[in-house]
N, C-alpha and C. Protein backbone atom coordinates (compact mmCIF):
# COMPACT_ATOMS: atom_id res chain seq x y z
N UNK A 1 -3.75 -33.21 164.30
CA UNK A 1 -2.88 -32.05 164.12
C UNK A 1 -3.52 -31.12 163.00
N UNK A 2 -3.46 -29.84 163.26
CA UNK A 2 -4.06 -28.96 162.27
C UNK A 2 -3.14 -28.75 161.09
N UNK A 3 -3.70 -28.30 160.00
CA UNK A 3 -2.95 -28.09 158.75
C UNK A 3 -1.90 -27.01 158.98
N UNK A 4 -2.20 -26.00 159.77
CA UNK A 4 -1.27 -24.89 160.06
C UNK A 4 0.01 -25.45 160.74
N UNK A 5 -0.20 -26.32 161.72
CA UNK A 5 0.95 -26.87 162.47
C UNK A 5 1.78 -27.73 161.49
N UNK A 6 1.10 -28.56 160.65
CA UNK A 6 1.81 -29.42 159.71
C UNK A 6 2.64 -28.56 158.77
N UNK A 7 2.08 -27.47 158.28
CA UNK A 7 2.83 -26.60 157.35
C UNK A 7 4.07 -26.01 158.00
N UNK A 8 3.94 -25.60 159.24
CA UNK A 8 5.12 -24.96 159.94
C UNK A 8 6.12 -26.03 160.25
N UNK A 9 5.69 -27.31 160.53
CA UNK A 9 6.62 -28.38 160.82
C UNK A 9 7.38 -28.70 159.50
N UNK A 10 6.69 -28.70 158.40
CA UNK A 10 7.34 -28.98 157.10
C UNK A 10 8.38 -27.91 156.79
N UNK A 11 8.06 -26.71 157.02
CA UNK A 11 8.97 -25.58 156.79
C UNK A 11 10.22 -25.79 157.64
N UNK A 12 10.04 -26.10 158.90
CA UNK A 12 11.15 -26.30 159.80
C UNK A 12 12.06 -27.49 159.31
N UNK A 13 11.48 -28.52 158.85
CA UNK A 13 12.25 -29.69 158.27
C UNK A 13 13.08 -29.20 157.08
N UNK A 14 12.42 -28.45 156.20
CA UNK A 14 13.11 -27.94 155.03
C UNK A 14 14.26 -27.00 155.41
N UNK A 15 14.05 -26.10 156.34
CA UNK A 15 15.11 -25.17 156.79
C UNK A 15 16.24 -26.00 157.40
N UNK A 16 15.90 -26.99 158.21
CA UNK A 16 16.93 -27.80 158.80
C UNK A 16 17.78 -28.61 157.78
N UNK A 17 17.05 -29.02 156.74
CA UNK A 17 17.81 -29.79 155.73
C UNK A 17 18.73 -28.93 154.87
N UNK A 18 18.52 -27.59 154.89
CA UNK A 18 19.45 -26.70 154.21
C UNK A 18 20.50 -26.14 155.16
N UNK A 19 20.53 -26.73 156.38
CA UNK A 19 21.61 -26.31 157.34
C UNK A 19 21.32 -25.08 158.11
N UNK A 20 20.09 -24.58 158.05
CA UNK A 20 19.73 -23.36 158.82
C UNK A 20 19.37 -23.76 160.26
N UNK A 21 19.79 -22.95 161.17
CA UNK A 21 19.47 -23.19 162.57
C UNK A 21 18.06 -22.69 162.84
N UNK A 22 17.32 -23.52 163.59
CA UNK A 22 16.01 -23.11 163.98
C UNK A 22 15.87 -23.27 165.50
N UNK A 23 15.42 -22.18 166.15
CA UNK A 23 15.24 -22.24 167.61
C UNK A 23 13.82 -22.60 167.87
N UNK A 24 13.61 -23.40 168.97
CA UNK A 24 12.32 -23.84 169.36
C UNK A 24 11.36 -22.66 169.54
N UNK A 25 11.81 -21.58 170.15
CA UNK A 25 10.96 -20.43 170.39
C UNK A 25 10.46 -19.87 169.04
N UNK A 26 11.29 -19.90 167.98
CA UNK A 26 10.90 -19.35 166.65
C UNK A 26 9.84 -20.25 166.01
N UNK A 27 9.78 -21.51 166.40
CA UNK A 27 8.83 -22.39 165.80
C UNK A 27 7.40 -22.28 166.35
N UNK A 28 7.32 -21.60 167.53
CA UNK A 28 6.00 -21.45 168.18
C UNK A 28 5.12 -20.50 167.30
N UNK A 29 3.83 -20.76 167.41
CA UNK A 29 2.94 -19.93 166.63
C UNK A 29 2.98 -18.50 167.15
N UNK A 30 3.29 -17.53 166.29
CA UNK A 30 3.38 -16.18 166.67
C UNK A 30 2.02 -15.50 166.68
N UNK A 31 1.78 -14.54 167.50
CA UNK A 31 0.51 -13.83 167.56
C UNK A 31 0.32 -13.18 166.19
N UNK A 32 -0.92 -12.93 165.81
CA UNK A 32 -1.19 -12.31 164.52
C UNK A 32 -1.04 -10.77 164.58
N UNK A 33 -0.87 -10.19 165.76
CA UNK A 33 -0.65 -8.80 165.81
C UNK A 33 0.63 -8.45 166.54
N UNK A 34 1.14 -7.25 166.31
CA UNK A 34 2.34 -6.81 167.02
C UNK A 34 1.92 -5.64 167.89
N UNK A 35 2.61 -5.53 169.00
CA UNK A 35 2.26 -4.44 170.00
C UNK A 35 2.41 -3.06 169.28
N UNK A 36 3.38 -2.88 168.36
CA UNK A 36 3.58 -1.56 167.74
C UNK A 36 2.66 -1.30 166.60
N UNK A 37 1.92 -2.25 166.15
CA UNK A 37 1.02 -2.02 165.01
C UNK A 37 -0.13 -1.12 165.43
N UNK A 38 -0.70 -0.39 164.46
CA UNK A 38 -1.83 0.48 164.71
C UNK A 38 -3.11 -0.29 164.52
N UNK A 39 -3.95 -0.30 165.44
CA UNK A 39 -5.23 -1.05 165.39
C UNK A 39 -6.36 -0.08 165.37
N UNK A 40 -7.33 -0.32 164.50
CA UNK A 40 -8.50 0.50 164.43
C UNK A 40 -9.76 -0.36 164.56
N UNK A 41 -10.67 0.00 165.42
CA UNK A 41 -11.84 -0.72 165.68
C UNK A 41 -13.07 0.16 165.79
N UNK A 42 -14.16 -0.19 165.09
CA UNK A 42 -15.42 0.49 165.25
C UNK A 42 -16.37 -0.49 165.89
N UNK A 43 -17.02 -0.05 166.97
CA UNK A 43 -17.91 -0.86 167.78
C UNK A 43 -19.32 -0.36 167.59
N UNK A 44 -20.27 -1.25 167.25
CA UNK A 44 -21.62 -0.92 167.11
C UNK A 44 -22.39 -1.26 168.38
N UNK A 45 -23.11 -0.28 168.96
CA UNK A 45 -24.04 -0.56 170.03
C UNK A 45 -25.43 0.01 169.64
N UNK A 46 -26.34 -0.86 169.37
CA UNK A 46 -27.68 -0.43 168.96
C UNK A 46 -28.78 -1.02 169.82
N UNK A 47 -28.40 -1.41 171.05
CA UNK A 47 -29.32 -1.93 172.06
C UNK A 47 -29.33 -1.12 173.25
N UNK A 48 -30.43 -1.02 173.90
CA UNK A 48 -30.62 -0.18 175.14
C UNK A 48 -30.20 -0.94 176.39
N UNK A 49 -29.84 -2.15 176.28
CA UNK A 49 -29.51 -2.95 177.50
C UNK A 49 -28.24 -2.54 178.07
N UNK A 50 -28.25 -2.03 179.34
CA UNK A 50 -27.05 -1.57 180.03
C UNK A 50 -25.95 -2.72 180.06
N UNK A 51 -26.34 -3.93 180.14
CA UNK A 51 -25.38 -5.02 180.15
C UNK A 51 -24.61 -5.10 178.82
N UNK A 52 -25.30 -4.76 177.73
CA UNK A 52 -24.65 -4.74 176.38
C UNK A 52 -23.63 -3.58 176.35
N UNK A 53 -23.97 -2.49 176.91
CA UNK A 53 -23.09 -1.35 177.01
C UNK A 53 -21.89 -1.66 177.83
N UNK A 54 -22.11 -2.35 178.98
CA UNK A 54 -21.01 -2.72 179.86
C UNK A 54 -20.08 -3.64 179.10
N UNK A 55 -20.63 -4.62 178.32
CA UNK A 55 -19.79 -5.48 177.59
C UNK A 55 -18.99 -4.76 176.52
N UNK A 56 -19.61 -3.88 175.79
CA UNK A 56 -18.91 -3.06 174.79
C UNK A 56 -17.77 -2.26 175.46
N UNK A 57 -18.06 -1.67 176.60
CA UNK A 57 -16.99 -0.84 177.27
C UNK A 57 -15.91 -1.75 177.79
N UNK A 58 -16.24 -2.96 178.26
CA UNK A 58 -15.24 -3.92 178.71
C UNK A 58 -14.38 -4.34 177.52
N UNK A 59 -15.01 -4.57 176.38
CA UNK A 59 -14.26 -4.95 175.13
C UNK A 59 -13.28 -3.84 174.82
N UNK A 60 -13.66 -2.58 174.87
CA UNK A 60 -12.81 -1.44 174.58
C UNK A 60 -11.60 -1.42 175.52
N UNK A 61 -11.90 -1.60 176.80
CA UNK A 61 -10.80 -1.57 177.80
C UNK A 61 -9.81 -2.72 177.56
N UNK A 62 -10.35 -3.90 177.24
CA UNK A 62 -9.51 -5.06 176.97
C UNK A 62 -8.67 -4.87 175.75
N UNK A 63 -9.26 -4.31 174.70
CA UNK A 63 -8.47 -4.02 173.53
C UNK A 63 -7.26 -3.04 173.79
N UNK A 64 -7.59 -2.05 174.58
CA UNK A 64 -6.50 -1.05 174.96
C UNK A 64 -5.48 -1.66 175.85
N UNK A 65 -5.84 -2.54 176.72
CA UNK A 65 -4.90 -3.16 177.66
C UNK A 65 -4.00 -4.09 176.80
N UNK A 66 -4.64 -4.97 176.02
CA UNK A 66 -3.91 -6.04 175.30
C UNK A 66 -3.05 -5.47 174.19
N UNK A 67 -3.56 -4.43 173.46
CA UNK A 67 -2.86 -3.93 172.27
C UNK A 67 -2.10 -2.62 172.53
N UNK A 68 -2.34 -1.99 173.69
CA UNK A 68 -1.76 -0.72 174.05
C UNK A 68 -2.68 0.42 173.59
N UNK A 69 -3.05 1.24 174.56
CA UNK A 69 -3.96 2.31 174.28
C UNK A 69 -3.46 3.25 173.17
N UNK A 70 -2.16 3.53 173.16
CA UNK A 70 -1.59 4.39 172.19
C UNK A 70 -1.56 3.73 170.77
N UNK A 71 -1.76 2.46 170.66
CA UNK A 71 -1.72 1.74 169.43
C UNK A 71 -3.11 1.41 168.89
N UNK A 72 -4.16 1.92 169.59
CA UNK A 72 -5.52 1.50 169.24
C UNK A 72 -6.44 2.70 169.14
N UNK A 73 -7.10 2.81 167.90
CA UNK A 73 -8.08 3.85 167.72
C UNK A 73 -9.39 3.13 167.73
N UNK A 74 -10.31 3.60 168.64
CA UNK A 74 -11.58 2.91 168.79
C UNK A 74 -12.68 4.00 168.71
N UNK A 75 -13.72 3.66 167.97
CA UNK A 75 -14.93 4.48 167.91
C UNK A 75 -16.12 3.60 168.22
N UNK A 76 -16.89 3.99 169.21
CA UNK A 76 -18.18 3.32 169.54
C UNK A 76 -19.24 4.18 168.85
N UNK A 77 -20.07 3.53 168.04
CA UNK A 77 -21.16 4.18 167.36
C UNK A 77 -22.46 3.68 167.88
N UNK A 78 -23.27 4.59 168.48
CA UNK A 78 -24.58 4.31 169.05
C UNK A 78 -25.68 4.79 168.15
N UNK A 79 -26.66 3.93 167.88
CA UNK A 79 -27.82 4.35 167.17
C UNK A 79 -29.02 3.49 167.57
N UNK A 80 -30.17 3.79 167.07
CA UNK A 80 -31.39 3.05 167.43
C UNK A 80 -31.57 3.07 168.97
N UNK A 81 -32.03 1.94 169.51
CA UNK A 81 -32.31 1.92 170.91
C UNK A 81 -31.07 2.14 171.81
N UNK A 82 -29.89 1.90 171.23
CA UNK A 82 -28.67 2.10 171.97
C UNK A 82 -28.39 3.59 172.32
N UNK A 83 -28.99 4.50 171.68
CA UNK A 83 -28.74 5.89 171.86
C UNK A 83 -29.08 6.35 173.25
N UNK A 84 -30.07 5.68 173.88
CA UNK A 84 -30.45 6.08 175.22
C UNK A 84 -29.36 6.03 176.27
N UNK A 85 -28.44 5.16 176.06
CA UNK A 85 -27.35 5.07 177.04
C UNK A 85 -26.37 6.22 176.92
N UNK A 86 -26.53 7.11 175.94
CA UNK A 86 -25.69 8.27 175.81
C UNK A 86 -26.35 9.52 176.31
N UNK A 87 -27.56 9.30 176.88
CA UNK A 87 -28.22 10.47 177.48
C UNK A 87 -27.57 10.84 178.80
N UNK A 88 -27.70 12.08 179.21
CA UNK A 88 -27.04 12.55 180.41
C UNK A 88 -27.47 11.84 181.69
N UNK A 89 -28.65 11.19 181.67
CA UNK A 89 -29.11 10.47 182.89
C UNK A 89 -28.86 8.96 182.78
N UNK A 90 -27.99 8.53 181.86
CA UNK A 90 -27.74 7.15 181.60
C UNK A 90 -27.17 6.43 182.82
N UNK A 91 -27.52 5.14 183.02
CA UNK A 91 -26.96 4.35 184.10
C UNK A 91 -25.47 4.02 183.85
N UNK A 92 -25.03 4.16 182.61
CA UNK A 92 -23.61 3.87 182.33
C UNK A 92 -22.82 5.12 182.00
N UNK A 93 -23.40 6.26 182.40
CA UNK A 93 -22.75 7.57 182.05
C UNK A 93 -21.27 7.63 182.58
N UNK A 94 -21.04 7.18 183.74
CA UNK A 94 -19.65 7.28 184.28
C UNK A 94 -18.75 6.38 183.53
N UNK A 95 -19.17 5.16 183.23
CA UNK A 95 -18.31 4.27 182.40
C UNK A 95 -17.98 4.86 181.04
N UNK A 96 -19.03 5.45 180.42
CA UNK A 96 -18.79 6.09 179.11
C UNK A 96 -17.80 7.24 179.25
N UNK A 97 -17.98 8.06 180.24
CA UNK A 97 -17.00 9.15 180.50
C UNK A 97 -15.60 8.62 180.70
N UNK A 98 -15.46 7.60 181.48
CA UNK A 98 -14.16 6.94 181.74
C UNK A 98 -13.52 6.34 180.47
N UNK A 99 -14.38 5.86 179.61
CA UNK A 99 -13.84 5.21 178.36
C UNK A 99 -13.29 6.23 177.33
N UNK A 100 -13.80 7.42 177.34
CA UNK A 100 -13.42 8.42 176.39
C UNK A 100 -11.93 8.81 176.70
N UNK A 101 -11.19 8.97 175.64
CA UNK A 101 -9.80 9.34 175.75
C UNK A 101 -9.22 9.76 174.44
N UNK A 102 -7.94 9.87 174.43
CA UNK A 102 -7.18 10.34 173.27
C UNK A 102 -7.42 9.46 172.04
N UNK A 103 -7.58 8.11 172.31
CA UNK A 103 -7.74 7.21 171.17
C UNK A 103 -9.05 6.53 171.14
N UNK A 104 -10.05 7.05 171.92
CA UNK A 104 -11.43 6.45 171.96
C UNK A 104 -12.47 7.56 171.81
N UNK A 105 -13.39 7.35 170.84
CA UNK A 105 -14.50 8.24 170.64
C UNK A 105 -15.80 7.52 170.76
N UNK A 106 -16.76 8.17 171.27
CA UNK A 106 -18.13 7.57 171.39
C UNK A 106 -19.03 8.58 170.69
N UNK A 107 -19.76 8.13 169.64
CA UNK A 107 -20.59 9.02 168.85
C UNK A 107 -22.02 8.54 168.79
N UNK A 108 -22.91 9.51 168.71
CA UNK A 108 -24.37 9.28 168.62
C UNK A 108 -24.83 9.63 167.22
N UNK A 109 -25.78 8.80 166.74
CA UNK A 109 -26.34 8.98 165.47
C UNK A 109 -27.43 10.10 165.52
N UNK A 110 -27.23 11.13 164.67
CA UNK A 110 -28.16 12.23 164.69
C UNK A 110 -29.50 11.86 164.06
N UNK A 111 -29.50 10.88 163.13
CA UNK A 111 -30.82 10.38 162.58
C UNK A 111 -31.69 9.83 163.74
N UNK A 112 -31.07 8.99 164.59
CA UNK A 112 -31.75 8.43 165.73
C UNK A 112 -32.20 9.52 166.71
N UNK A 113 -31.36 10.51 166.92
CA UNK A 113 -31.70 11.58 167.85
C UNK A 113 -32.91 12.31 167.35
N UNK A 114 -32.95 12.61 166.06
CA UNK A 114 -34.15 13.35 165.47
C UNK A 114 -35.39 12.44 165.65
N UNK A 115 -35.26 11.15 165.31
CA UNK A 115 -36.42 10.26 165.43
C UNK A 115 -36.94 10.15 166.83
N UNK A 116 -36.05 10.24 167.80
CA UNK A 116 -36.45 10.14 169.22
C UNK A 116 -36.64 11.52 169.91
N UNK A 117 -36.50 12.58 169.06
CA UNK A 117 -36.69 13.95 169.56
C UNK A 117 -35.68 14.31 170.66
N UNK A 118 -34.45 13.87 170.48
CA UNK A 118 -33.38 14.18 171.41
C UNK A 118 -32.55 15.33 170.84
N UNK A 119 -32.06 16.14 171.74
CA UNK A 119 -31.16 17.23 171.35
C UNK A 119 -29.82 16.98 172.03
N UNK A 120 -28.80 17.74 171.62
CA UNK A 120 -27.49 17.60 172.23
C UNK A 120 -27.52 17.93 173.68
N UNK A 121 -28.45 18.78 174.13
CA UNK A 121 -28.62 19.13 175.52
C UNK A 121 -29.05 17.96 176.35
N UNK A 122 -29.71 16.92 175.72
CA UNK A 122 -30.10 15.69 176.39
C UNK A 122 -28.98 14.72 176.60
N UNK A 123 -27.94 14.94 175.88
CA UNK A 123 -26.87 13.93 175.81
C UNK A 123 -25.66 14.22 176.70
N UNK A 124 -24.83 13.19 176.95
CA UNK A 124 -23.60 13.37 177.72
C UNK A 124 -22.78 14.45 177.01
N UNK A 125 -22.14 15.32 177.76
CA UNK A 125 -21.43 16.43 177.12
C UNK A 125 -20.16 16.06 176.37
N UNK A 126 -19.60 14.94 176.63
CA UNK A 126 -18.28 14.57 176.01
C UNK A 126 -18.35 13.70 174.76
N UNK A 127 -19.54 13.32 174.35
CA UNK A 127 -19.64 12.47 173.19
C UNK A 127 -19.63 13.27 171.92
N UNK A 128 -19.47 12.62 170.80
CA UNK A 128 -19.46 13.16 169.47
C UNK A 128 -20.74 12.82 168.76
N UNK A 129 -20.87 13.34 167.51
CA UNK A 129 -22.05 13.08 166.75
C UNK A 129 -21.72 12.81 165.32
N UNK A 130 -22.52 11.92 164.71
CA UNK A 130 -22.38 11.63 163.26
C UNK A 130 -23.75 11.70 162.67
N UNK A 131 -23.84 12.10 161.38
CA UNK A 131 -25.17 12.22 160.74
C UNK A 131 -25.93 10.89 160.79
N UNK A 132 -25.24 9.81 160.53
CA UNK A 132 -25.88 8.46 160.37
C UNK A 132 -24.95 7.41 160.97
N UNK A 133 -25.46 6.70 161.92
CA UNK A 133 -24.62 5.68 162.60
C UNK A 133 -24.24 4.53 161.67
N UNK A 134 -25.17 4.06 160.87
CA UNK A 134 -24.88 2.95 160.00
C UNK A 134 -23.90 3.36 158.89
N UNK A 135 -24.03 4.59 158.44
CA UNK A 135 -23.11 5.11 157.42
C UNK A 135 -21.70 5.24 158.02
N UNK A 136 -21.63 5.74 159.25
CA UNK A 136 -20.38 5.88 159.94
C UNK A 136 -19.69 4.57 160.07
N UNK A 137 -20.38 3.51 160.50
CA UNK A 137 -19.79 2.21 160.61
C UNK A 137 -19.28 1.70 159.25
N UNK A 138 -20.09 1.87 158.22
CA UNK A 138 -19.72 1.51 156.88
C UNK A 138 -18.43 2.20 156.41
N UNK A 139 -18.42 3.50 156.62
CA UNK A 139 -17.20 4.29 156.20
C UNK A 139 -15.97 3.89 156.96
N UNK A 140 -16.11 3.62 158.27
CA UNK A 140 -15.00 3.17 159.09
C UNK A 140 -14.46 1.83 158.57
N UNK A 141 -15.37 0.91 158.24
CA UNK A 141 -14.93 -0.41 157.69
C UNK A 141 -14.24 -0.22 156.37
N UNK A 142 -14.76 0.68 155.52
CA UNK A 142 -14.12 0.89 154.23
C UNK A 142 -12.70 1.55 154.40
N UNK A 143 -12.47 2.22 155.50
CA UNK A 143 -11.15 2.81 155.72
C UNK A 143 -10.24 1.93 156.60
N UNK A 144 -10.66 0.68 156.77
CA UNK A 144 -9.73 -0.29 157.41
C UNK A 144 -9.99 -0.63 158.81
N UNK A 145 -11.10 -0.11 159.39
CA UNK A 145 -11.46 -0.43 160.80
C UNK A 145 -12.02 -1.85 160.87
N UNK A 146 -11.72 -2.52 161.95
CA UNK A 146 -12.27 -3.83 162.25
C UNK A 146 -13.65 -3.54 162.91
N UNK A 147 -14.67 -4.28 162.52
CA UNK A 147 -16.01 -4.15 162.97
C UNK A 147 -16.20 -5.07 164.22
N UNK A 148 -16.76 -4.54 165.28
CA UNK A 148 -17.07 -5.33 166.49
C UNK A 148 -18.49 -5.01 166.94
N UNK A 149 -19.23 -6.01 167.17
CA UNK A 149 -20.58 -5.83 167.77
C UNK A 149 -20.73 -6.86 168.94
N UNK A 150 -20.58 -6.26 170.13
CA UNK A 150 -20.71 -7.19 171.30
C UNK A 150 -22.09 -7.66 171.49
């Protein structure tokens, strides 16, 4: 038995000894999140592998389904080799377009774009831009975003 279970069991015994009613459903381990809570996630994609992008986009969709799209702010930050999947001729262009929404942003690192001699005309029209992908991820984490790297 885990320590967490033992602690909850001990609390239930103490409550019962003080005459408090405890329902079996209340004793179950509750999820760590609530559907109404605001969730913020920053996702790093720095690899050019389309499968990695598919995984990242699947993660985003699953977060929105499980936590509620209106309760979840997600930003995918692409830099380094991952930036190629944000080009207008990307094999995952349709998936990226489908993922964008009111609570989901996908941004490209302008440092990487300069290094690879890419312009905004080379990129998907609906994405955003940040001066530095790694700085963007750091700032999002500092402001309370959960970091995810598929």
